[in-house]
Amino acid sequence: MTKAELIAGMASESGLTKTDAEKALNAFLSQVEQALKQGEKVQLVGFGSFEVKERAERIGRNPKTKEAIVIPAGRAPVFKAGTALKDAIK
């Protein structure tokens, strides 16, 4: 599903125009992004949660040359599905 298809589905299900549905989706995505940047966890009960995980520095290999390289530490956004969502797709 593309973003355009998601917006169309949101518009038809909610009765909003596609423009309003796009604004709502963009606002949601913006709020999640801001919360994650601040280190907060975003929980949607029954759907899932978004959070940021810290990744430690590690040693990897260049697959072409087999040379060892250092992969720097970093932060990565993760999503964990809630029980209701897991049950809905079983």
Protein backbone atom coordinates (compact mmCIF):
# COMPACT_ATOMS: atom_id res chain seq x y z
CA MET A 1 0.00 0.00 0.00
CA THR A 2 1.37 3.38 -0.95
CA LYS A 3 0.84 6.63 0.93
CA ALA A 4 -1.67 7.75 -1.72
CA GLU A 5 -3.66 4.51 -1.30
CA LEU A 6 -3.60 4.92 2.48
CA ILE A 7 -4.87 8.48 2.19
CA ALA A 8 -7.66 7.38 -0.17
CA GLY A 9 -8.68 4.61 2.25
CA MET A 10 -8.62 6.98 5.22
CA ALA A 11 -10.75 9.49 3.30
CA SER A 12 -13.37 6.94 2.28
CA GLU A 13 -13.61 5.34 5.73
CA SER A 14 -13.75 8.60 7.69
CA GLY A 15 -15.80 10.73 5.32
CA LEU A 16 -13.01 13.30 5.07
CA THR A 17 -11.77 14.73 1.82
CA LYS A 18 -8.49 13.34 0.51
CA THR A 19 -6.85 16.68 1.29
CA ASP A 20 -8.02 16.57 4.92
CA ALA A 21 -7.02 12.91 5.24
CA GLU A 22 -3.54 13.75 3.92
CA LYS A 23 -3.24 16.62 6.41
CA ALA A 24 -4.28 14.28 9.23
CA LEU A 25 -1.78 11.60 8.18
CA ASN A 26 1.04 14.12 7.81
CA ALA A 27 0.22 15.59 11.24
CA PHE A 28 0.29 12.10 12.79
CA LEU A 29 3.64 11.27 11.18
CA SER A 30 5.08 14.63 12.25
CA GLN A 31 4.01 14.14 15.87
CA VAL A 32 5.48 10.62 15.99
CA GLU A 33 8.74 11.90 14.50
CA GLN A 34 8.98 14.78 16.99
CA ALA A 35 8.29 12.48 19.95
CA LEU A 36 10.96 10.00 18.80
CA LYS A 37 13.49 12.80 18.32
CA GLN A 38 12.89 13.81 21.95
CA GLY A 39 13.43 10.23 23.09
CA GLU A 40 9.77 9.61 23.94
CA LYS A 41 7.88 6.39 23.28
CA VAL A 42 4.61 6.61 21.32
CA GLN A 43 2.08 3.98 22.38
CA LEU A 44 -1.18 3.29 20.54
CA VAL A 45 -2.96 0.74 22.71
CA GLY A 46 -3.99 -2.28 20.65
CA PHE A 47 -2.02 -1.14 17.60
CA GLY A 48 1.58 -0.93 18.76
CA SER A 49 4.36 1.33 19.91
CA PHE A 50 7.11 3.37 18.30
CA GLU A 51 10.38 3.98 20.10
CA VAL A 52 14.07 4.66 19.51
CA LYS A 53 16.65 1.97 20.24
CA GLU A 54 20.32 2.67 20.81
CA ARG A 55 22.68 0.55 18.74
CA ALA A 56 26.20 -0.06 20.03
CA GLU A 57 29.29 0.31 17.89
CA ARG A 58 30.20 -2.98 16.27
CA ILE A 59 32.59 -4.59 13.82
CA GLY A 60 31.27 -5.53 10.39
CA ARG A 61 32.78 -6.77 7.15
CA ASN A 62 32.84 -5.23 3.72
CA PRO A 63 31.26 -8.04 1.65
CA LYS A 64 33.33 -7.15 -1.40
CA THR A 65 36.80 -6.97 0.18
CA LYS A 66 36.15 -8.95 3.39
CA GLU A 67 37.90 -6.12 5.23
CA ALA A 68 36.76 -5.48 8.83
CA ILE A 69 35.12 -2.09 9.33
CA VAL A 70 33.77 -0.30 12.37
CA ILE A 71 30.05 0.41 12.23
CA PRO A 72 29.44 3.44 14.46
CA ALA A 73 26.91 3.52 17.30
CA GLY A 74 23.59 5.05 16.43
CA ARG A 75 19.90 5.37 17.11
CA ALA A 76 17.20 3.59 15.13
CA PRO A 77 13.40 3.90 15.21
CA VAL A 78 11.56 0.64 15.87
CA PHE A 79 7.91 -0.41 15.85
CA LYS A 80 6.51 -3.19 18.00
CA ALA A 81 3.05 -4.45 17.04
CA GLY A 82 0.41 -4.68 19.76
CA THR A 83 -1.53 -7.81 20.64
CA ALA A 84 -4.74 -6.65 18.95
CA LEU A 85 -2.91 -5.95 15.68
CA LYS A 86 -1.13 -9.31 15.82
CA ASP A 87 -4.42 -11.11 16.45
CA ALA A 88 -6.15 -9.21 13.63
CA ILE A 89 -3.69 -10.43 11.00
CA LYS A 90 -3.47 -14.05 12.10
